[in-house]
Amino acid sequence: MEEELEGYFLDDGTWVNPALVPKPSLCVMCKYDEDKKEEVLCMLTRTDQQDEDDFKCCSYKMKVF
C-alpha cells in the first residue's frame, strides 16, 4: 500500500518539505508571517524563488509593531 503525501509539490510532482524551504528576512518582517490564511501562498512564493538571488513578494505588507 502506497503512502499518500500531503503538502506542497513542485510542477514535476516532487514533494517539498516545508521545513527545508528558507524563510527570507522579508517574510519575517511581513504582517502575513504566520497567518494561516496566507500560509499556502507564502510557501509557494518562497518555494518558487528559493534558488534566486533576490526574493520578491507582491503580497508583502510591513508588520506593524
N, C-alpha and C. Protein backbone atom coordinates (compact mmCIF):
# COMPACT_ATOMS: atom_id res chain seq x y z
N MET A 1 0.83 -1.18 0.00
CA MET A 1 0.00 0.00 0.00
C MET A 1 0.88 1.25 0.00
N GLU A 2 0.63 2.15 -0.93
CA GLU A 2 1.42 3.37 -1.02
C GLU A 2 0.95 4.41 -0.02
N GLU A 3 1.92 5.10 0.55
CA GLU A 3 1.62 6.18 1.49
C GLU A 3 1.35 7.44 0.68
N GLU A 4 0.24 8.12 0.95
CA GLU A 4 -0.08 9.36 0.25
C GLU A 4 0.57 10.53 0.98
N LEU A 5 1.30 11.34 0.23
CA LEU A 5 1.93 12.51 0.80
C LEU A 5 1.00 13.70 0.69
N GLU A 6 0.99 14.51 1.72
CA GLU A 6 0.23 15.75 1.71
C GLU A 6 1.21 16.89 1.77
N GLY A 7 0.77 18.04 1.31
CA GLY A 7 1.61 19.22 1.42
C GLY A 7 1.84 19.90 0.10
N TYR A 8 3.07 20.28 -0.13
CA TYR A 8 3.44 21.08 -1.29
C TYR A 8 4.23 20.21 -2.27
N PHE A 9 3.98 20.44 -3.57
CA PHE A 9 4.64 19.68 -4.62
C PHE A 9 5.09 20.62 -5.73
N LEU A 10 6.25 20.31 -6.32
CA LEU A 10 6.72 21.05 -7.48
C LEU A 10 5.92 20.61 -8.70
N ASP A 11 6.06 21.33 -9.80
CA ASP A 11 5.33 21.00 -11.02
C ASP A 11 5.60 19.58 -11.50
N ASP A 12 6.79 19.06 -11.20
CA ASP A 12 7.13 17.70 -11.65
C ASP A 12 6.66 16.62 -10.68
N GLY A 13 5.95 17.02 -9.60
CA GLY A 13 5.42 16.07 -8.64
C GLY A 13 6.31 15.80 -7.44
N THR A 14 7.49 16.42 -7.41
CA THR A 14 8.41 16.25 -6.29
C THR A 14 7.83 16.90 -5.03
N TRP A 15 7.80 16.14 -3.93
CA TRP A 15 7.29 16.66 -2.66
C TRP A 15 8.28 17.66 -2.08
N VAL A 16 7.78 18.74 -1.50
CA VAL A 16 8.60 19.79 -0.89
C VAL A 16 8.41 19.73 0.62
N ASN A 17 9.51 19.58 1.34
CA ASN A 17 9.46 19.60 2.80
C ASN A 17 9.47 21.07 3.24
N PRO A 18 8.38 21.58 3.79
CA PRO A 18 8.31 23.00 4.18
C PRO A 18 9.39 23.41 5.18
N ALA A 19 9.84 22.49 6.00
CA ALA A 19 10.86 22.80 6.99
C ALA A 19 12.21 23.11 6.35
N LEU A 20 12.39 22.70 5.10
CA LEU A 20 13.67 22.92 4.42
C LEU A 20 13.65 24.11 3.46
N VAL A 21 12.51 24.78 3.35
CA VAL A 21 12.41 25.95 2.49
C VAL A 21 12.76 27.18 3.33
N PRO A 22 13.85 27.87 2.97
CA PRO A 22 14.27 29.02 3.78
C PRO A 22 13.22 30.12 3.81
N LYS A 23 13.17 30.83 4.94
CA LYS A 23 12.25 31.96 5.08
C LYS A 23 13.10 33.23 5.04
N PRO A 24 13.00 33.98 3.93
CA PRO A 24 13.78 35.22 3.81
C PRO A 24 13.40 36.24 4.89
N SER A 25 14.32 37.15 5.17
CA SER A 25 14.07 38.16 6.20
C SER A 25 12.86 39.02 5.85
N LEU A 26 12.58 39.23 4.57
CA LEU A 26 11.40 39.98 4.16
C LEU A 26 10.14 39.32 4.72
N CYS A 27 10.10 38.00 4.71
CA CYS A 27 8.93 37.27 5.23
C CYS A 27 8.76 37.46 6.73
N VAL A 28 9.85 37.48 7.43
CA VAL A 28 9.81 37.64 8.89
C VAL A 28 9.25 39.01 9.27
N MET A 29 9.49 40.01 8.41
CA MET A 29 9.02 41.37 8.68
C MET A 29 7.62 41.63 8.10
N CYS A 30 7.00 40.61 7.49
CA CYS A 30 5.72 40.77 6.83
C CYS A 30 4.56 40.53 7.79
N LYS A 31 3.50 41.30 7.63
CA LYS A 31 2.33 41.13 8.50
C LYS A 31 1.64 39.79 8.26
N TYR A 32 1.90 39.14 7.14
CA TYR A 32 1.30 37.85 6.85
C TYR A 32 2.12 36.67 7.39
N ASP A 33 3.28 36.95 7.96
CA ASP A 33 4.10 35.87 8.53
C ASP A 33 3.29 35.17 9.63
N GLU A 34 3.17 33.87 9.51
CA GLU A 34 2.44 33.02 10.46
C GLU A 34 0.92 33.22 10.42
N ASP A 35 0.40 33.84 9.35
CA ASP A 35 -1.04 33.96 9.15
C ASP A 35 -1.50 32.70 8.40
N LYS A 36 -2.30 31.89 9.05
CA LYS A 36 -2.72 30.60 8.47
C LYS A 36 -3.45 30.76 7.14
N LYS A 37 -4.16 31.87 6.95
CA LYS A 37 -4.88 32.11 5.70
C LYS A 37 -3.93 32.35 4.52
N GLU A 38 -2.73 32.83 4.80
CA GLU A 38 -1.76 33.16 3.76
C GLU A 38 -0.66 32.11 3.63
N GLU A 39 -0.69 31.10 4.46
CA GLU A 39 0.39 30.12 4.54
C GLU A 39 0.71 29.46 3.20
N VAL A 40 -0.32 29.04 2.47
CA VAL A 40 -0.09 28.34 1.20
C VAL A 40 0.56 29.27 0.18
N LEU A 41 0.01 30.47 0.02
CA LEU A 41 0.58 31.43 -0.93
C LEU A 41 2.02 31.76 -0.58
N CYS A 42 2.29 31.99 0.70
CA CYS A 42 3.65 32.32 1.13
C CYS A 42 4.61 31.17 0.86
N MET A 43 4.19 29.95 1.17
CA MET A 43 5.07 28.80 0.94
C MET A 43 5.35 28.62 -0.55
N LEU A 44 4.33 28.77 -1.38
CA LEU A 44 4.53 28.63 -2.82
C LEU A 44 5.45 29.71 -3.36
N THR A 45 5.32 30.92 -2.86
CA THR A 45 6.20 32.02 -3.29
C THR A 45 7.64 31.74 -2.89
N ARG A 46 7.85 31.31 -1.65
CA ARG A 46 9.22 31.00 -1.19
C ARG A 46 9.81 29.81 -1.94
N THR A 47 9.00 28.79 -2.17
CA THR A 47 9.47 27.60 -2.88
C THR A 47 9.87 27.95 -4.30
N ASP A 48 9.07 28.75 -4.96
CA ASP A 48 9.33 29.14 -6.34
C ASP A 48 10.62 29.93 -6.48
N GLN A 49 10.98 30.69 -5.45
CA GLN A 49 12.14 31.58 -5.54
C GLN A 49 13.33 31.14 -4.69
N GLN A 50 13.33 29.93 -4.17
CA GLN A 50 14.37 29.56 -3.22
C GLN A 50 15.77 29.52 -3.81
N ASP A 51 15.92 29.41 -5.11
CA ASP A 51 17.25 29.41 -5.72
C ASP A 51 17.62 30.75 -6.35
N GLU A 52 16.78 31.76 -6.15
CA GLU A 52 17.03 33.09 -6.71
C GLU A 52 17.90 33.92 -5.77
N ASP A 53 18.65 34.87 -6.34
CA ASP A 53 19.49 35.76 -5.53
C ASP A 53 18.66 36.79 -4.78
N ASP A 54 17.63 37.32 -5.44
CA ASP A 54 16.78 38.34 -4.84
C ASP A 54 15.37 37.80 -4.68
N PHE A 55 14.85 37.89 -3.46
CA PHE A 55 13.50 37.43 -3.18
C PHE A 55 12.52 38.59 -3.34
N LYS A 56 11.45 38.36 -4.08
CA LYS A 56 10.42 39.37 -4.30
C LYS A 56 9.06 38.78 -3.95
N CYS A 57 8.23 39.57 -3.28
CA CYS A 57 6.89 39.11 -2.93
C CYS A 57 5.90 40.25 -3.17
N CYS A 58 4.94 40.00 -4.04
CA CYS A 58 3.93 41.02 -4.36
C CYS A 58 2.89 41.17 -3.25
N SER A 59 2.85 40.23 -2.31
CA SER A 59 1.87 40.28 -1.22
C SER A 59 2.42 40.92 0.05
N TYR A 60 3.70 41.30 0.04
CA TYR A 60 4.35 41.82 1.23
C TYR A 60 3.69 43.09 1.76
N LYS A 61 3.43 43.09 3.05
CA LYS A 61 2.96 44.28 3.78
C LYS A 61 3.75 44.32 5.07
N MET A 62 4.34 45.47 5.38
CA MET A 62 5.17 45.58 6.56
C MET A 62 4.37 45.34 7.84
N LYS A 63 4.96 44.56 8.73
CA LYS A 63 4.34 44.26 10.03
C LYS A 63 4.38 45.52 10.90
N VAL A 64 3.27 45.81 11.57
CA VAL A 64 3.21 46.95 12.48
C VAL A 64 3.49 46.44 13.88
N PHE A 65 4.49 47.02 14.51
CA PHE A 65 4.88 46.58 15.85
C PHE A 65 4.26 47.44 16.91
